[in-house]
Amino acid sequence: MTQGPNPETVGALAAEHLGPILYALEACALQMEEGGRQEEAAYFRALARRLAEAGGQPREGNEA
C-alpha cells in the first residue's frame, strides 16, 4: 500500500530550498529553449512562477 507525499513535509522542504529549486527550473527552461523545445521551456517557467508565487504567500491562520 503506497501513500502519496506528505504535503506538509514536501511544502516545508520546497520552502526551505526555494531559491535553488527556482534556479534549477530556469536552467532547465534555458536548456530546453536552446534545444528548440519551447513548450517544455514554458512548462518549467510556469512551474517556477507558481512555486515562487506560493512561496510568497503566508499560510492560512499565520498572517504576520
N, C-alpha and C. Protein backbone atom coordinates (compact mmCIF):
# COMPACT_ATOMS: atom_id res chain seq x y z
N MET A 1 0.85 -1.17 0.00
CA MET A 1 0.00 0.00 0.00
C MET A 1 0.89 1.24 0.00
N THR A 2 0.87 2.01 -1.06
CA THR A 2 1.69 3.22 -1.14
C THR A 2 0.85 4.44 -0.82
N GLN A 3 1.50 5.34 -0.12
CA GLN A 3 0.84 6.59 0.22
C GLN A 3 1.44 7.69 -0.63
N GLY A 4 0.65 8.73 -0.83
CA GLY A 4 1.16 9.89 -1.55
C GLY A 4 2.10 10.69 -0.67
N PRO A 5 2.71 11.72 -1.24
CA PRO A 5 3.63 12.53 -0.44
C PRO A 5 2.89 13.29 0.66
N ASN A 6 3.57 13.54 1.75
CA ASN A 6 3.03 14.32 2.84
C ASN A 6 3.13 15.79 2.45
N PRO A 7 2.01 16.47 2.18
CA PRO A 7 2.06 17.86 1.70
C PRO A 7 2.80 18.80 2.63
N GLU A 8 2.68 18.60 3.93
CA GLU A 8 3.37 19.49 4.86
C GLU A 8 4.88 19.31 4.77
N THR A 9 5.33 18.07 4.64
CA THR A 9 6.76 17.81 4.54
C THR A 9 7.30 18.30 3.21
N VAL A 10 6.60 18.01 2.12
CA VAL A 10 7.03 18.46 0.80
C VAL A 10 7.06 19.98 0.75
N GLY A 11 6.03 20.62 1.28
CA GLY A 11 5.98 22.07 1.30
C GLY A 11 7.09 22.69 2.11
N ALA A 12 7.40 22.12 3.25
CA ALA A 12 8.47 22.65 4.09
C ALA A 12 9.81 22.50 3.39
N LEU A 13 10.04 21.37 2.77
CA LEU A 13 11.30 21.13 2.06
C LEU A 13 11.43 22.09 0.87
N ALA A 14 10.35 22.25 0.12
CA ALA A 14 10.38 23.16 -1.04
C ALA A 14 10.60 24.60 -0.58
N ALA A 15 9.96 25.01 0.50
CA ALA A 15 10.11 26.37 1.01
C ALA A 15 11.54 26.62 1.47
N GLU A 16 12.13 25.63 2.11
CA GLU A 16 13.48 25.76 2.63
C GLU A 16 14.51 25.91 1.51
N HIS A 17 14.23 25.30 0.36
CA HIS A 17 15.19 25.30 -0.75
C HIS A 17 14.61 25.96 -1.99
N LEU A 18 13.73 26.92 -1.81
CA LEU A 18 13.02 27.52 -2.94
C LEU A 18 13.97 28.19 -3.93
N GLY A 19 14.94 28.94 -3.46
CA GLY A 19 15.88 29.62 -4.36
C GLY A 19 16.58 28.67 -5.31
N PRO A 20 17.25 27.63 -4.79
CA PRO A 20 17.92 26.69 -5.68
C PRO A 20 16.95 25.93 -6.61
N ILE A 21 15.75 25.65 -6.13
CA ILE A 21 14.76 24.97 -6.97
C ILE A 21 14.38 25.87 -8.15
N LEU A 22 14.13 27.16 -7.88
CA LEU A 22 13.76 28.10 -8.95
C LEU A 22 14.92 28.26 -9.93
N TYR A 23 16.13 28.31 -9.42
CA TYR A 23 17.31 28.42 -10.29
C TYR A 23 17.41 27.20 -11.21
N ALA A 24 17.23 26.01 -10.64
CA ALA A 24 17.32 24.78 -11.43
C ALA A 24 16.23 24.72 -12.49
N LEU A 25 15.03 25.16 -12.14
CA LEU A 25 13.94 25.16 -13.13
C LEU A 25 14.24 26.11 -14.28
N GLU A 26 14.82 27.28 -13.97
CA GLU A 26 15.18 28.22 -15.03
C GLU A 26 16.31 27.65 -15.89
N ALA A 27 17.28 26.98 -15.26
CA ALA A 27 18.36 26.34 -16.02
C ALA A 27 17.79 25.30 -16.98
N CYS A 28 16.82 24.53 -16.51
CA CYS A 28 16.15 23.54 -17.38
C CYS A 28 15.44 24.24 -18.53
N ALA A 29 14.73 25.32 -18.22
CA ALA A 29 14.00 26.06 -19.25
C ALA A 29 14.95 26.61 -20.31
N LEU A 30 16.08 27.17 -19.88
CA LEU A 30 17.06 27.69 -20.84
C LEU A 30 17.60 26.59 -21.74
N GLN A 31 17.89 25.45 -21.16
CA GLN A 31 18.40 24.32 -21.93
C GLN A 31 17.35 23.85 -22.95
N MET A 32 16.11 23.78 -22.52
CA MET A 32 15.03 23.37 -23.42
C MET A 32 14.89 24.38 -24.57
N GLU A 33 14.94 25.65 -24.23
CA GLU A 33 14.82 26.70 -25.23
C GLU A 33 15.93 26.59 -26.27
N GLU A 34 17.16 26.39 -25.81
CA GLU A 34 18.30 26.25 -26.72
C GLU A 34 18.14 25.05 -27.64
N GLY A 35 17.44 24.04 -27.17
CA GLY A 35 17.20 22.85 -27.97
C GLY A 35 15.95 22.95 -28.83
N GLY A 36 15.33 24.13 -28.86
CA GLY A 36 14.14 24.31 -29.69
C GLY A 36 12.88 23.71 -29.10
N ARG A 37 12.88 23.44 -27.81
CA ARG A 37 11.73 22.81 -27.16
C ARG A 37 10.98 23.87 -26.35
N GLN A 38 10.29 24.76 -27.06
CA GLN A 38 9.64 25.92 -26.46
C GLN A 38 8.53 25.53 -25.47
N GLU A 39 7.75 24.51 -25.81
CA GLU A 39 6.65 24.11 -24.92
C GLU A 39 7.18 23.61 -23.58
N GLU A 40 8.24 22.82 -23.61
CA GLU A 40 8.83 22.32 -22.38
C GLU A 40 9.41 23.47 -21.56
N ALA A 41 10.07 24.42 -22.22
CA ALA A 41 10.63 25.58 -21.52
C ALA A 41 9.51 26.37 -20.84
N ALA A 42 8.41 26.55 -21.54
CA ALA A 42 7.27 27.28 -20.97
C ALA A 42 6.70 26.54 -19.76
N TYR A 43 6.68 25.21 -19.83
CA TYR A 43 6.18 24.42 -18.70
C TYR A 43 7.04 24.65 -17.46
N PHE A 44 8.37 24.56 -17.60
CA PHE A 44 9.26 24.74 -16.45
C PHE A 44 9.17 26.16 -15.90
N ARG A 45 9.02 27.14 -16.77
CA ARG A 45 8.90 28.53 -16.29
C ARG A 45 7.57 28.75 -15.57
N ALA A 46 6.50 28.15 -16.08
CA ALA A 46 5.20 28.27 -15.41
C ALA A 46 5.24 27.59 -14.05
N LEU A 47 5.90 26.45 -13.96
CA LEU A 47 6.04 25.75 -12.69
C LEU A 47 6.83 26.61 -11.70
N ALA A 48 7.93 27.19 -12.16
CA ALA A 48 8.74 28.06 -11.30
C ALA A 48 7.93 29.26 -10.83
N ARG A 49 7.15 29.84 -11.72
CA ARG A 49 6.32 31.00 -11.36
C ARG A 49 5.31 30.63 -10.28
N ARG A 50 4.68 29.48 -10.43
CA ARG A 50 3.70 29.03 -9.43
C ARG A 50 4.36 28.78 -8.08
N LEU A 51 5.53 28.17 -8.09
CA LEU A 51 6.26 27.94 -6.83
C LEU A 51 6.67 29.25 -6.18
N ALA A 52 7.15 30.19 -6.99
CA ALA A 52 7.57 31.49 -6.45
C ALA A 52 6.38 32.22 -5.85
N GLU A 53 5.24 32.19 -6.53
CA GLU A 53 4.04 32.84 -6.01
C GLU A 53 3.58 32.17 -4.72
N ALA A 54 3.60 30.86 -4.68
CA ALA A 54 3.18 30.13 -3.48
C ALA A 54 4.14 30.38 -2.32
N GLY A 55 5.42 30.55 -2.62
CA GLY A 55 6.41 30.79 -1.60
C GLY A 55 6.26 32.14 -0.93
N GLY A 56 5.60 33.07 -1.60
CA GLY A 56 5.42 34.40 -1.05
C GLY A 56 4.11 34.59 -0.31
N GLN A 57 3.34 33.54 -0.18
CA GLN A 57 2.03 33.63 0.45
C GLN A 57 2.09 33.11 1.88
N PRO A 58 1.55 33.83 2.84
CA PRO A 58 1.50 33.30 4.22
C PRO A 58 0.52 32.14 4.31
N ARG A 59 0.80 31.23 5.22
CA ARG A 59 -0.13 30.13 5.45
C ARG A 59 -1.40 30.65 6.08
N GLU A 60 -2.49 29.92 5.87
CA GLU A 60 -3.77 30.29 6.49
C GLU A 60 -3.61 30.32 7.99
N GLY A 61 -4.12 31.38 8.61
CA GLY A 61 -4.07 31.48 10.07
C GLY A 61 -2.69 31.88 10.59
N ASN A 62 -1.75 32.18 9.68
CA ASN A 62 -0.39 32.52 10.08
C ASN A 62 -0.01 33.90 9.57
N GLU A 63 -0.98 34.80 9.42
CA GLU A 63 -0.68 36.12 8.90
C GLU A 63 0.22 36.86 9.88
N ALA A 64 1.17 37.59 9.34
CA ALA A 64 2.12 38.34 10.18
C ALA A 64 1.50 39.58 10.78
